[in-house]
Amino acid sequence: MTGRTVRAQQAGATRELILTAAERLFAERGVYAVSNRQVSEAAGQGNNAAVGYHFGTKADLVRAIAAKHTAQIEADRARMLAEAGESTDVRDWVACLVRPVTGHLAALRSPTWFARFCAQVMTDPALYRIMVEESLASPSVREIRDGLNRCLPELPADVGAERAAMARHLIVHTCAERERALAENAPTPRASWHDAATGLIDAIVAMWVAPVTLELPGERP
């Protein structure tokens, strides 16, 4: 094994330690409440510049944490989408949106922080845009939106966009609440992540197929 290979392995191990520490701290305290120094210390790094050296800006670090998880979620979605085919059932498309996320959380070693990390990021205006852009750029999410549009051809485009945003927030914050309860050994409404996904799917399907109330000119205050 060459010196270059050893250094590459050490750098990879350091990056992983930083990612894990940053994800936990961001989830528990909020992204901008945590300094690079605190992340470095939690990762066991004596050099306080380690975070900047390995990742650059805080936004780059957030992207790296998200990417660490989204690869597996995307792979699971691709499998479910292949099974969904050309389904005309809204529930099939919503399941493709929800179950890869909850399945990934179930597969992680407990306690997990990814759902709470996502919830913290979604509350920050700048980082929220990054996460939304990443989501909209996802081939699997675009395919799900296309499937929902085929199922609901009469739904106005602006209402569809509104409900997609509602679904995104519902998934993120419901998963974060369950993750927090599990970390604190508190009771949860559902016994498992699989069951929690079922409840989420029920709610999101109902939201997508809900009637649309169209306001007439002059009705707004």
N, C-alpha and C. Protein backbone atom coordinates (compact mmCIF):
# COMPACT_ATOMS: atom_id res chain seq x y z
N MET A 1 0.85 -1.19 0.00
CA MET A 1 0.00 0.00 0.00
C MET A 1 0.89 1.25 0.00
N THR A 2 0.66 2.13 -0.97
CA THR A 2 1.48 3.32 -1.10
C THR A 2 1.10 4.39 -0.07
N GLY A 3 2.01 5.35 0.12
CA GLY A 3 1.71 6.44 1.03
C GLY A 3 0.52 7.25 0.57
N ARG A 4 0.38 7.39 -0.77
CA ARG A 4 -0.75 8.15 -1.30
C ARG A 4 -2.07 7.45 -0.97
N THR A 5 -2.08 6.12 -1.06
CA THR A 5 -3.29 5.37 -0.74
C THR A 5 -3.65 5.50 0.73
N VAL A 6 -2.64 5.42 1.59
CA VAL A 6 -2.87 5.56 3.03
C VAL A 6 -3.45 6.93 3.34
N ARG A 7 -2.88 7.97 2.73
CA ARG A 7 -3.38 9.33 2.97
C ARG A 7 -4.82 9.48 2.48
N ALA A 8 -5.12 8.86 1.34
CA ALA A 8 -6.49 8.94 0.82
C ALA A 8 -7.47 8.26 1.75
N GLN A 9 -7.07 7.11 2.31
CA GLN A 9 -7.94 6.40 3.25
C GLN A 9 -8.13 7.21 4.53
N GLN A 10 -7.07 7.83 5.00
CA GLN A 10 -7.17 8.65 6.20
C GLN A 10 -8.08 9.85 5.96
N ALA A 11 -7.94 10.46 4.79
CA ALA A 11 -8.80 11.60 4.47
C ALA A 11 -10.25 11.17 4.37
N GLY A 12 -10.50 10.00 3.78
CA GLY A 12 -11.87 9.49 3.69
C GLY A 12 -12.47 9.22 5.06
N ALA A 13 -11.64 8.65 5.97
CA ALA A 13 -12.12 8.37 7.32
C ALA A 13 -12.42 9.67 8.07
N THR A 14 -11.57 10.68 7.87
CA THR A 14 -11.79 11.98 8.52
C THR A 14 -13.06 12.62 8.01
N ARG A 15 -13.29 12.58 6.70
CA ARG A 15 -14.51 13.15 6.12
C ARG A 15 -15.75 12.48 6.71
N GLU A 16 -15.67 11.16 6.87
CA GLU A 16 -16.83 10.43 7.41
C GLU A 16 -17.09 10.83 8.85
N LEU A 17 -16.05 10.98 9.65
CA LEU A 17 -16.21 11.42 11.03
C LEU A 17 -16.84 12.81 11.10
N ILE A 18 -16.39 13.70 10.22
CA ILE A 18 -16.94 15.06 10.20
C ILE A 18 -18.40 15.05 9.78
N LEU A 19 -18.72 14.27 8.75
CA LEU A 19 -20.11 14.18 8.29
C LEU A 19 -21.03 13.70 9.40
N THR A 20 -20.60 12.65 10.10
CA THR A 20 -21.43 12.09 11.16
C THR A 20 -21.62 13.08 12.30
N ALA A 21 -20.53 13.74 12.69
CA ALA A 21 -20.62 14.71 13.79
C ALA A 21 -21.48 15.90 13.40
N ALA A 22 -21.29 16.40 12.18
CA ALA A 22 -22.06 17.57 11.73
C ALA A 22 -23.54 17.23 11.63
N GLU A 23 -23.86 16.07 11.11
CA GLU A 23 -25.28 15.68 10.99
C GLU A 23 -25.95 15.65 12.35
N ARG A 24 -25.27 15.08 13.33
CA ARG A 24 -25.86 15.00 14.68
C ARG A 24 -26.02 16.39 15.30
N LEU A 25 -24.97 17.20 15.23
CA LEU A 25 -25.04 18.53 15.84
C LEU A 25 -26.05 19.42 15.14
N PHE A 26 -26.07 19.39 13.81
CA PHE A 26 -27.05 20.20 13.08
C PHE A 26 -28.47 19.76 13.42
N ALA A 27 -28.68 18.45 13.55
CA ALA A 27 -30.02 17.94 13.86
C ALA A 27 -30.47 18.38 15.24
N GLU A 28 -29.56 18.37 16.19
CA GLU A 28 -29.92 18.67 17.57
C GLU A 28 -29.98 20.16 17.88
N ARG A 29 -29.16 20.98 17.19
CA ARG A 29 -29.03 22.38 17.58
C ARG A 29 -29.41 23.37 16.48
N GLY A 30 -29.45 22.92 15.23
CA GLY A 30 -29.65 23.83 14.12
C GLY A 30 -28.35 24.09 13.40
N VAL A 31 -28.42 24.35 12.11
CA VAL A 31 -27.20 24.44 11.30
C VAL A 31 -26.33 25.61 11.71
N TYR A 32 -26.92 26.80 11.81
CA TYR A 32 -26.09 27.98 12.06
C TYR A 32 -25.82 28.22 13.54
N ALA A 33 -26.37 27.38 14.39
CA ALA A 33 -26.03 27.45 15.82
C ALA A 33 -24.76 26.66 16.12
N VAL A 34 -24.25 25.93 15.14
CA VAL A 34 -23.09 25.06 15.33
C VAL A 34 -21.92 25.61 14.52
N SER A 35 -20.78 25.80 15.16
CA SER A 35 -19.60 26.32 14.47
C SER A 35 -18.77 25.18 13.90
N ASN A 36 -17.89 25.51 12.95
CA ASN A 36 -16.96 24.52 12.42
C ASN A 36 -16.05 23.97 13.51
N ARG A 37 -15.69 24.82 14.46
CA ARG A 37 -14.86 24.37 15.59
C ARG A 37 -15.58 23.27 16.38
N GLN A 38 -16.88 23.47 16.65
CA GLN A 38 -17.64 22.46 17.39
C GLN A 38 -17.73 21.16 16.62
N VAL A 39 -17.93 21.26 15.30
CA VAL A 39 -17.98 20.05 14.48
C VAL A 39 -16.64 19.32 14.53
N SER A 40 -15.56 20.07 14.38
CA SER A 40 -14.21 19.47 14.41
C SER A 40 -13.96 18.77 15.74
N GLU A 41 -14.32 19.43 16.83
CA GLU A 41 -14.11 18.82 18.15
C GLU A 41 -14.94 17.56 18.32
N ALA A 42 -16.21 17.61 17.88
CA ALA A 42 -17.08 16.43 18.00
C ALA A 42 -16.57 15.29 17.14
N ALA A 43 -15.88 15.62 16.05
CA ALA A 43 -15.34 14.59 15.16
C ALA A 43 -13.96 14.11 15.60
N GLY A 44 -13.47 14.66 16.71
CA GLY A 44 -12.17 14.24 17.24
C GLY A 44 -11.00 14.78 16.46
N GLN A 45 -11.19 15.95 15.82
CA GLN A 45 -10.13 16.54 15.02
C GLN A 45 -9.46 17.67 15.78
N GLY A 46 -8.14 17.60 15.94
CA GLY A 46 -7.42 18.65 16.64
C GLY A 46 -7.33 19.93 15.84
N ASN A 47 -7.41 19.81 14.52
CA ASN A 47 -7.31 20.98 13.65
C ASN A 47 -8.71 21.57 13.45
N ASN A 48 -8.93 22.78 13.95
CA ASN A 48 -10.25 23.40 13.84
C ASN A 48 -10.61 23.79 12.41
N ALA A 49 -9.62 23.78 11.51
CA ALA A 49 -9.88 24.10 10.11
C ALA A 49 -10.24 22.86 9.29
N ALA A 50 -10.38 21.72 9.95
CA ALA A 50 -10.60 20.46 9.22
C ALA A 50 -11.89 20.49 8.41
N VAL A 51 -12.95 21.11 8.96
CA VAL A 51 -14.23 21.13 8.25
C VAL A 51 -14.10 21.91 6.95
N GLY A 52 -13.52 23.12 7.05
CA GLY A 52 -13.34 23.92 5.86
C GLY A 52 -12.41 23.27 4.85
N TYR A 53 -11.37 22.62 5.34
CA TYR A 53 -10.40 21.97 4.45
C TYR A 53 -11.06 20.85 3.64
N HIS A 54 -11.88 20.04 4.30
CA HIS A 54 -12.47 18.87 3.65
C HIS A 54 -13.75 19.18 2.88
N PHE A 55 -14.50 20.24 3.30
CA PHE A 55 -15.81 20.46 2.70
C PHE A 55 -16.03 21.87 2.14
N GLY A 56 -15.26 22.85 2.55
CA GLY A 56 -15.47 24.20 2.06
C GLY A 56 -16.46 24.94 2.94
N THR A 57 -17.54 25.45 2.34
CA THR A 57 -18.52 26.24 3.08
C THR A 57 -19.50 25.35 3.85
N LYS A 58 -20.26 25.98 4.73
CA LYS A 58 -21.27 25.24 5.48
C LYS A 58 -22.33 24.67 4.53
N ALA A 59 -22.68 25.43 3.49
CA ALA A 59 -23.64 24.93 2.50
C ALA A 59 -23.09 23.68 1.81
N ASP A 60 -21.79 23.66 1.53
CA ASP A 60 -21.18 22.47 0.91
C ASP A 60 -21.25 21.28 1.87
N LEU A 61 -21.06 21.54 3.15
CA LEU A 61 -21.15 20.48 4.15
C LEU A 61 -22.58 19.93 4.22
N VAL A 62 -23.56 20.82 4.17
CA VAL A 62 -24.96 20.39 4.17
C VAL A 62 -25.25 19.52 2.96
N ARG A 63 -24.76 19.95 1.79
CA ARG A 63 -24.96 19.15 0.57
C ARG A 63 -24.33 17.76 0.71
N ALA A 64 -23.15 17.72 1.31
CA ALA A 64 -22.45 16.44 1.46
C ALA A 64 -23.20 15.50 2.40
N ILE A 65 -23.78 16.04 3.48
CA ILE A 65 -24.56 15.21 4.39
C ILE A 65 -25.78 14.66 3.67
N ALA A 66 -26.48 15.52 2.93
CA ALA A 66 -27.66 15.08 2.18
C ALA A 66 -27.28 14.01 1.16
N ALA A 67 -26.18 14.23 0.44
CA ALA A 67 -25.77 13.28 -0.59
C ALA A 67 -25.43 11.91 0.00
N LYS A 68 -24.92 11.91 1.22
CA LYS A 68 -24.57 10.66 1.89
C LYS A 68 -25.79 9.74 2.02
N HIS A 69 -26.96 10.34 2.16
CA HIS A 69 -28.19 9.56 2.34
C HIS A 69 -29.00 9.40 1.06
N THR A 70 -28.99 10.41 0.22
CA THR A 70 -29.91 10.40 -0.92
C THR A 70 -29.57 9.35 -1.97
N ALA A 71 -28.32 8.92 -2.03
CA ALA A 71 -27.96 7.90 -3.02
C ALA A 71 -28.76 6.62 -2.78
N GLN A 72 -28.85 6.18 -1.52
CA GLN A 72 -29.61 4.97 -1.21
C GLN A 72 -31.10 5.20 -1.40
N ILE A 73 -31.59 6.37 -1.01
CA ILE A 73 -33.01 6.69 -1.19
C ILE A 73 -33.37 6.68 -2.67
N GLU A 74 -32.51 7.26 -3.49
CA GLU A 74 -32.75 7.28 -4.94
C GLU A 74 -32.77 5.86 -5.50
N ALA A 75 -31.87 5.01 -5.05
CA ALA A 75 -31.83 3.62 -5.53
C ALA A 75 -33.12 2.89 -5.17
N ASP A 76 -33.61 3.08 -3.95
CA ASP A 76 -34.85 2.44 -3.53
C ASP A 76 -36.04 2.98 -4.32
N ARG A 77 -36.02 4.28 -4.59
CA ARG A 77 -37.11 4.87 -5.37
C ARG A 77 -37.12 4.30 -6.79
N ALA A 78 -35.94 4.17 -7.37
CA ALA A 78 -35.86 3.64 -8.74
C ALA A 78 -36.47 2.25 -8.81
N ARG A 79 -36.21 1.44 -7.78
CA ARG A 79 -36.79 0.09 -7.76
C ARG A 79 -38.30 0.15 -7.65
N MET A 80 -38.82 1.01 -6.75
CA MET A 80 -40.27 1.12 -6.59
C MET A 80 -40.93 1.70 -7.84
N LEU A 81 -40.27 2.64 -8.50
CA LEU A 81 -40.84 3.23 -9.71
C LEU A 81 -40.93 2.20 -10.82
N ALA A 82 -39.94 1.32 -10.89
CA ALA A 82 -39.99 0.26 -11.90
C ALA A 82 -41.19 -0.65 -11.66
N GLU A 83 -41.50 -0.89 -10.39
CA GLU A 83 -42.67 -1.71 -10.05
C GLU A 83 -43.97 -0.98 -10.31
N ALA A 84 -43.97 0.34 -10.12
CA ALA A 84 -45.19 1.12 -10.34
C ALA A 84 -45.56 1.20 -11.82
N GLY A 85 -44.55 1.21 -12.67
CA GLY A 85 -44.81 1.24 -14.11
C GLY A 85 -45.63 2.44 -14.53
N GLU A 86 -46.76 2.20 -15.16
CA GLU A 86 -47.66 3.26 -15.63
C GLU A 86 -48.93 3.32 -14.78
N SER A 87 -48.79 3.07 -13.49
CA SER A 87 -49.94 3.03 -12.59
C SER A 87 -50.77 4.31 -12.68
N THR A 88 -52.08 4.13 -12.56
CA THR A 88 -53.00 5.28 -12.50
C THR A 88 -53.55 5.47 -11.09
N ASP A 89 -52.92 4.83 -10.11
CA ASP A 89 -53.33 4.94 -8.70
C ASP A 89 -52.43 5.94 -7.99
N VAL A 90 -53.03 7.02 -7.48
CA VAL A 90 -52.26 8.05 -6.78
C VAL A 90 -51.44 7.45 -5.65
N ARG A 91 -52.01 6.48 -4.97
CA ARG A 91 -51.32 5.88 -3.81
C ARG A 91 -49.99 5.26 -4.21
N ASP A 92 -49.91 4.65 -5.38
CA ASP A 92 -48.65 4.05 -5.81
C ASP A 92 -47.54 5.09 -5.93
N TRP A 93 -47.87 6.26 -6.48
CA TRP A 93 -46.87 7.31 -6.66
C TRP A 93 -46.49 7.95 -5.34
N VAL A 94 -47.46 8.12 -4.45
CA VAL A 94 -47.14 8.68 -3.13
C VAL A 94 -46.27 7.71 -2.35
N ALA A 95 -46.55 6.41 -2.47
CA ALA A 95 -45.72 5.41 -1.80
C ALA A 95 -44.27 5.49 -2.28
N CYS A 96 -44.08 5.73 -3.57
CA CYS A 96 -42.73 5.87 -4.11
C CYS A 96 -42.02 7.08 -3.52
N LEU A 97 -42.78 8.07 -3.12
CA LEU A 97 -42.21 9.27 -2.52
C LEU A 97 -41.84 9.04 -1.06
N VAL A 98 -42.69 8.30 -0.34
CA VAL A 98 -42.56 8.18 1.12
C VAL A 98 -41.70 7.00 1.56
N ARG A 99 -41.99 5.81 1.05
CA ARG A 99 -41.38 4.61 1.62
C ARG A 99 -39.86 4.54 1.48
N PRO A 100 -39.25 5.04 0.41
CA PRO A 100 -37.78 5.02 0.39
C PRO A 100 -37.16 5.83 1.51
N VAL A 101 -37.81 6.91 1.93
CA VAL A 101 -37.30 7.74 3.03
C VAL A 101 -37.43 7.00 4.36
N THR A 102 -38.62 6.51 4.64
CA THR A 102 -38.82 5.82 5.92
C THR A 102 -38.05 4.50 5.97
N GLY A 103 -37.96 3.84 4.82
CA GLY A 103 -37.17 2.60 4.77
C GLY A 103 -35.70 2.85 5.06
N HIS A 104 -35.17 3.96 4.54
CA HIS A 104 -33.78 4.31 4.81
C HIS A 104 -33.58 4.62 6.28
N LEU A 105 -34.49 5.36 6.88
CA LEU A 105 -34.37 5.67 8.30
C LEU A 105 -34.45 4.41 9.15
N ALA A 106 -35.29 3.47 8.74
CA ALA A 106 -35.42 2.22 9.49
C ALA A 106 -34.14 1.40 9.41
N ALA A 107 -33.43 1.52 8.28
CA ALA A 107 -32.23 0.70 8.07
C ALA A 107 -31.00 1.27 8.77
N LEU A 108 -31.03 2.55 9.14
CA LEU A 108 -29.89 3.17 9.81
C LEU A 108 -29.76 2.68 11.25
N ARG A 109 -28.54 2.71 11.75
CA ARG A 109 -28.32 2.33 13.14
C ARG A 109 -28.92 3.38 14.06
N SER A 110 -29.70 2.95 15.04
CA SER A 110 -30.35 3.88 15.97
C SER A 110 -29.36 4.34 17.03
N PRO A 111 -29.39 5.62 17.44
CA PRO A 111 -30.33 6.66 17.01
C PRO A 111 -29.93 7.25 15.66
N THR A 112 -30.92 7.79 14.98
CA THR A 112 -30.66 8.44 13.70
C THR A 112 -30.87 9.94 13.84
N TRP A 113 -30.28 10.70 12.92
CA TRP A 113 -30.39 12.17 12.96
C TRP A 113 -30.81 12.76 11.62
N PHE A 114 -30.89 11.94 10.57
CA PHE A 114 -31.08 12.49 9.24
C PHE A 114 -32.41 13.23 9.09
N ALA A 115 -33.48 12.70 9.64
CA ALA A 115 -34.78 13.37 9.50
C ALA A 115 -34.77 14.71 10.21
N ARG A 116 -34.19 14.77 11.41
CA ARG A 116 -34.12 16.04 12.14
C ARG A 116 -33.17 17.01 11.45
N PHE A 117 -32.10 16.50 10.87
CA PHE A 117 -31.20 17.34 10.08
C PHE A 117 -31.97 18.00 8.93
N CYS A 118 -32.77 17.20 8.21
CA CYS A 118 -33.56 17.74 7.09
C CYS A 118 -34.54 18.79 7.58
N ALA A 119 -35.17 18.55 8.72
CA ALA A 119 -36.13 19.51 9.26
C ALA A 119 -35.44 20.83 9.62
N GLN A 120 -34.24 20.75 10.20
CA GLN A 120 -33.50 21.97 10.54
C GLN A 120 -33.12 22.73 9.27
N VAL A 121 -32.68 22.02 8.25
CA VAL A 121 -32.28 22.67 7.00
C VAL A 121 -33.48 23.35 6.35
N MET A 122 -34.65 22.70 6.43
CA MET A 122 -35.84 23.24 5.78
C MET A 122 -36.33 24.53 6.42
N THR A 123 -35.86 24.84 7.63
CA THR A 123 -36.28 26.07 8.30
C THR A 123 -35.38 27.25 7.96
N ASP A 124 -34.25 27.00 7.27
CA ASP A 124 -33.34 28.07 6.91
C ASP A 124 -33.58 28.48 5.46
N PRO A 125 -33.86 29.75 5.19
CA PRO A 125 -34.22 30.17 3.82
C PRO A 125 -33.20 29.80 2.76
N ALA A 126 -31.91 30.06 3.03
CA ALA A 126 -30.88 29.78 2.03
C ALA A 126 -30.70 28.28 1.82
N LEU A 127 -30.60 27.54 2.92
CA LEU A 127 -30.39 26.10 2.81
C LEU A 127 -31.64 25.40 2.30
N TYR A 128 -32.81 25.94 2.63
CA TYR A 128 -34.06 25.37 2.12
C TYR A 128 -34.06 25.36 0.60
N ARG A 129 -33.60 26.44 0.00
CA ARG A 129 -33.57 26.50 -1.46
C ARG A 129 -32.64 25.43 -2.03
N ILE A 130 -31.53 25.19 -1.36
CA ILE A 130 -30.60 24.16 -1.81
C ILE A 130 -31.29 22.79 -1.80
N MET A 131 -31.99 22.48 -0.70
CA MET A 131 -32.65 21.18 -0.58
C MET A 131 -33.76 21.02 -1.60
N VAL A 132 -34.53 22.09 -1.82
CA VAL A 132 -35.62 22.01 -2.79
C VAL A 132 -35.07 21.83 -4.20
N GLU A 133 -34.00 22.57 -4.52
CA GLU A 133 -33.40 22.44 -5.84
C GLU A 133 -32.86 21.03 -6.05
N GLU A 134 -32.24 20.47 -5.01
CA GLU A 134 -31.74 19.09 -5.10
C GLU A 134 -32.90 18.12 -5.34
N SER A 135 -34.01 18.35 -4.63
CA SER A 135 -35.17 17.47 -4.77
C SER A 135 -35.76 17.56 -6.17
N LEU A 136 -35.93 18.79 -6.67
CA LEU A 136 -36.53 18.98 -7.98
C LEU A 136 -35.64 18.45 -9.10
N ALA A 137 -34.33 18.40 -8.84
CA ALA A 137 -33.40 17.88 -9.84
C ALA A 137 -33.34 16.35 -9.84
N SER A 138 -33.93 15.73 -8.83
CA SER A 138 -33.90 14.27 -8.72
C SER A 138 -34.74 13.62 -9.82
N PRO A 139 -34.16 12.73 -10.62
CA PRO A 139 -34.94 12.05 -11.68
C PRO A 139 -36.13 11.29 -11.12
N SER A 140 -35.97 10.67 -9.95
CA SER A 140 -37.07 9.89 -9.39
C SER A 140 -38.22 10.79 -8.95
N VAL A 141 -37.92 11.94 -8.36
CA VAL A 141 -38.97 12.86 -7.93
C VAL A 141 -39.71 13.42 -9.14
N ARG A 142 -38.98 13.73 -10.21
CA ARG A 142 -39.63 14.21 -11.43
C ARG A 142 -40.56 13.14 -12.00
N GLU A 143 -40.12 11.89 -11.94
CA GLU A 143 -40.96 10.81 -12.45
C GLU A 143 -42.23 10.65 -11.60
N ILE A 144 -42.09 10.83 -10.30
CA ILE A 144 -43.26 10.75 -9.42
C ILE A 144 -44.23 11.88 -9.74
N ARG A 145 -43.72 13.11 -9.93
CA ARG A 145 -44.59 14.21 -10.28
C ARG A 145 -45.32 13.95 -11.60
N ASP A 146 -44.60 13.38 -12.57
CA ASP A 146 -45.23 13.05 -13.85
C ASP A 146 -46.34 12.02 -13.65
N GLY A 147 -46.08 11.03 -12.79
CA GLY A 147 -47.10 10.02 -12.52
C GLY A 147 -48.32 10.61 -11.85
N LEU A 148 -48.11 11.50 -10.89
CA LEU A 148 -49.23 12.15 -10.23
C LEU A 148 -50.01 13.03 -11.21
N ASN A 149 -49.30 13.71 -12.09
CA ASN A 149 -49.99 14.54 -13.08
C ASN A 149 -50.87 13.71 -14.01
N ARG A 150 -50.41 12.51 -14.35
CA ARG A 150 -51.23 11.62 -15.20
C ARG A 150 -52.46 11.14 -14.44
N CYS A 151 -52.31 10.93 -13.13
CA CYS A 151 -53.45 10.47 -12.32
C CYS A 151 -54.46 11.59 -12.08
N LEU A 152 -53.97 12.83 -12.06
CA LEU A 152 -54.81 13.97 -11.70
C LEU A 152 -54.73 15.04 -12.79
N PRO A 153 -55.18 14.71 -14.00
CA PRO A 153 -55.01 15.65 -15.12
C PRO A 153 -55.80 16.94 -14.97
N GLU A 154 -56.86 16.93 -14.16
CA GLU A 154 -57.68 18.14 -14.00
C GLU A 154 -57.16 19.08 -12.91
N LEU A 155 -56.16 18.65 -12.18
CA LEU A 155 -55.65 19.47 -11.08
C LEU A 155 -54.84 20.63 -11.66
N PRO A 156 -55.19 21.88 -11.33
CA PRO A 156 -54.44 23.03 -11.84
C PRO A 156 -52.96 22.93 -11.45
N ALA A 157 -52.09 23.40 -12.34
CA ALA A 157 -50.65 23.28 -12.12
C ALA A 157 -50.20 23.97 -10.84
N ASP A 158 -50.77 25.16 -10.55
CA ASP A 158 -50.34 25.87 -9.35
C ASP A 158 -50.79 25.15 -8.09
N VAL A 159 -51.94 24.49 -8.14
CA VAL A 159 -52.40 23.71 -6.99
C VAL A 159 -51.52 22.47 -6.82
N GLY A 160 -51.13 21.86 -7.94
CA GLY A 160 -50.23 20.72 -7.88
C GLY A 160 -48.91 21.08 -7.24
N ALA A 161 -48.35 22.24 -7.62
CA ALA A 161 -47.09 22.69 -7.02
C ALA A 161 -47.26 22.96 -5.53
N GLU A 162 -48.40 23.55 -5.17
CA GLU A 162 -48.68 23.83 -3.75
C GLU A 162 -48.76 22.54 -2.95
N ARG A 163 -49.45 21.54 -3.49
CA ARG A 163 -49.61 20.29 -2.75
C ARG A 163 -48.31 19.49 -2.70
N ALA A 164 -47.48 19.63 -3.73
CA ALA A 164 -46.17 18.98 -3.68
C ALA A 164 -45.33 19.55 -2.54
N ALA A 165 -45.38 20.89 -2.37
CA ALA A 165 -44.66 21.52 -1.26
C ALA A 165 -45.22 21.07 0.08
N MET A 166 -46.55 20.97 0.18
CA MET A 166 -47.17 20.50 1.42
C MET A 166 -46.72 19.07 1.74
N ALA A 167 -46.69 18.23 0.71
CA ALA A 167 -46.27 16.83 0.91
C ALA A 167 -44.83 16.77 1.39
N ARG A 168 -43.97 17.60 0.80
CA ARG A 168 -42.56 17.62 1.18
C ARG A 168 -42.42 17.98 2.66
N HIS A 169 -43.12 19.02 3.10
CA HIS A 169 -43.03 19.43 4.50
C HIS A 169 -43.61 18.36 5.43
N LEU A 170 -44.71 17.75 5.02
CA LEU A 170 -45.34 16.73 5.85
C LEU A 170 -44.40 15.54 6.06
N ILE A 171 -43.75 15.11 4.99
CA ILE A 171 -42.82 13.98 5.10
C ILE A 171 -41.65 14.33 6.01
N VAL A 172 -41.03 15.48 5.75
CA VAL A 172 -39.84 15.87 6.52
C VAL A 172 -40.15 16.01 8.00
N HIS A 173 -41.20 16.75 8.34
CA HIS A 173 -41.44 17.06 9.74
C HIS A 173 -42.09 15.90 10.50
N THR A 174 -42.89 15.10 9.82
CA THR A 174 -43.44 13.91 10.49
C THR A 174 -42.34 12.92 10.81
N CYS A 175 -41.42 12.72 9.86
CA CYS A 175 -40.29 11.81 10.11
C CYS A 175 -39.39 12.36 11.22
N ALA A 176 -39.19 13.68 11.22
CA ALA A 176 -38.34 14.28 12.26
C ALA A 176 -38.96 14.10 13.65
N GLU A 177 -40.27 14.26 13.75
CA GLU A 177 -40.93 14.08 15.04
C GLU A 177 -40.82 12.64 15.52
N ARG A 178 -40.98 11.70 14.61
CA ARG A 178 -40.86 10.29 15.01
C ARG A 178 -39.42 9.98 15.42
N GLU A 179 -38.46 10.48 14.64
CA GLU A 179 -37.06 10.24 14.95
C GLU A 179 -36.71 10.81 16.33
N ARG A 180 -37.21 12.01 16.62
CA ARG A 180 -36.95 12.63 17.92
C ARG A 180 -37.55 11.79 19.06
N ALA A 181 -38.77 11.33 18.86
CA ALA A 181 -39.42 10.51 19.88
C ALA A 181 -38.65 9.22 20.12
N LEU A 182 -38.18 8.59 19.06
CA LEU A 182 -37.42 7.35 19.21
C LEU A 182 -36.11 7.60 19.96
N ALA A 183 -35.45 8.72 19.65
CA ALA A 183 -34.19 9.04 20.33
C ALA A 183 -34.40 9.29 21.81
N GLU A 184 -35.58 9.79 22.16
CA GLU A 184 -35.89 10.10 23.56
C GLU A 184 -36.66 8.97 24.26
N ASN A 185 -36.83 7.85 23.57
CA ASN A 185 -37.60 6.71 24.10
C ASN A 185 -39.01 7.13 24.50
N ALA A 186 -39.58 8.04 23.73
CA ALA A 186 -40.94 8.51 23.97
C ALA A 186 -41.92 7.70 23.11
N PRO A 187 -43.19 7.64 23.50
CA PRO A 187 -44.17 6.89 22.70
C PRO A 187 -44.38 7.51 21.33
N THR A 188 -44.69 6.68 20.35
CA THR A 188 -44.95 7.14 18.98
C THR A 188 -46.32 6.63 18.53
N PRO A 189 -46.99 7.36 17.63
CA PRO A 189 -48.31 6.93 17.18
C PRO A 189 -48.30 5.59 16.45
N ARG A 190 -47.19 5.28 15.78
CA ARG A 190 -47.09 4.04 15.00
C ARG A 190 -45.94 3.20 15.54
N ALA A 191 -46.08 1.88 15.41
CA ALA A 191 -45.11 0.97 16.02
C ALA A 191 -43.81 0.87 15.25
N SER A 192 -43.82 1.17 13.96
CA SER A 192 -42.62 0.98 13.14
C SER A 192 -42.56 2.07 12.07
N TRP A 193 -41.39 2.19 11.43
CA TRP A 193 -41.25 3.12 10.32
C TRP A 193 -42.16 2.71 9.16
N HIS A 194 -42.35 1.43 8.96
CA HIS A 194 -43.24 0.95 7.90
C HIS A 194 -44.67 1.44 8.16
N ASP A 195 -45.12 1.30 9.40
CA ASP A 195 -46.46 1.76 9.74
C ASP A 195 -46.57 3.27 9.68
N ALA A 196 -45.50 3.97 10.08
CA ALA A 196 -45.50 5.43 9.99
C ALA A 196 -45.63 5.87 8.54
N ALA A 197 -44.98 5.14 7.64
CA ALA A 197 -45.09 5.44 6.20
C ALA A 197 -46.52 5.26 5.73
N THR A 198 -47.19 4.23 6.20
CA THR A 198 -48.58 3.99 5.81
C THR A 198 -49.46 5.17 6.21
N GLY A 199 -49.27 5.67 7.43
CA GLY A 199 -50.04 6.83 7.88
C GLY A 199 -49.75 8.07 7.04
N LEU A 200 -48.48 8.28 6.72
CA LEU A 200 -48.11 9.42 5.87
C LEU A 200 -48.74 9.30 4.49
N ILE A 201 -48.69 8.11 3.92
CA ILE A 201 -49.25 7.89 2.59
C ILE A 201 -50.76 8.16 2.61
N ASP A 202 -51.45 7.67 3.64
CA ASP A 202 -52.89 7.94 3.76
C ASP A 202 -53.16 9.45 3.71
N ALA A 203 -52.40 10.21 4.52
CA ALA A 203 -52.64 11.65 4.62
C ALA A 203 -52.30 12.37 3.31
N ILE A 204 -51.20 12.00 2.69
CA ILE A 204 -50.77 12.69 1.47
C ILE A 204 -51.67 12.36 0.30
N VAL A 205 -52.14 11.12 0.20
CA VAL A 205 -53.09 10.77 -0.85
C VAL A 205 -54.36 11.60 -0.69
N ALA A 206 -54.86 11.69 0.54
CA ALA A 206 -56.07 12.48 0.79
C ALA A 206 -55.86 13.93 0.39
N MET A 207 -54.68 14.45 0.63
CA MET A 207 -54.39 15.83 0.27
C MET A 207 -54.37 16.01 -1.25
N TRP A 208 -53.75 15.08 -1.96
CA TRP A 208 -53.66 15.20 -3.42
C TRP A 208 -55.02 15.12 -4.10
N VAL A 209 -55.91 14.28 -3.57
CA VAL A 209 -57.21 14.09 -4.24
C VAL A 209 -58.30 14.99 -3.65
N ALA A 210 -57.93 15.84 -2.70
CA ALA A 210 -58.93 16.74 -2.09
C ALA A 210 -59.50 17.69 -3.14
N PRO A 211 -60.75 18.12 -2.96
CA PRO A 211 -61.34 19.08 -3.92
C PRO A 211 -60.58 20.40 -3.90
N VAL A 212 -60.67 21.11 -5.01
CA VAL A 212 -59.99 22.40 -5.15
C VAL A 212 -61.04 23.50 -5.07
N THR A 213 -60.88 24.41 -4.14
CA THR A 213 -61.79 25.55 -4.03
C THR A 213 -61.20 26.71 -4.80
N LEU A 214 -61.91 27.13 -5.84
CA LEU A 214 -61.44 28.24 -6.68
C LEU A 214 -62.08 29.53 -6.21
N GLU A 215 -61.25 30.52 -5.89
CA GLU A 215 -61.75 31.81 -5.45
C GLU A 215 -62.14 32.66 -6.67
N LEU A 216 -63.25 33.33 -6.55
CA LEU A 216 -63.70 34.23 -7.61
C LEU A 216 -63.12 35.63 -7.38
N PRO A 217 -62.93 36.40 -8.44
CA PRO A 217 -62.42 37.76 -8.26
C PRO A 217 -63.28 38.55 -7.26
N GLY A 218 -62.62 39.25 -6.36
CA GLY A 218 -63.33 40.06 -5.38
C GLY A 218 -63.63 39.35 -4.09
N GLU A 219 -63.34 38.03 -4.01
CA GLU A 219 -63.64 37.29 -2.78
C GLU A 219 -62.55 37.46 -1.74
N ARG A 220 -61.34 37.84 -2.15
CA ARG A 220 -60.28 37.96 -1.19
C ARG A 220 -60.44 39.25 -0.38
N PRO A 221 -60.09 39.22 0.91
CA PRO A 221 -60.19 40.44 1.73
C PRO A 221 -59.18 41.48 1.31
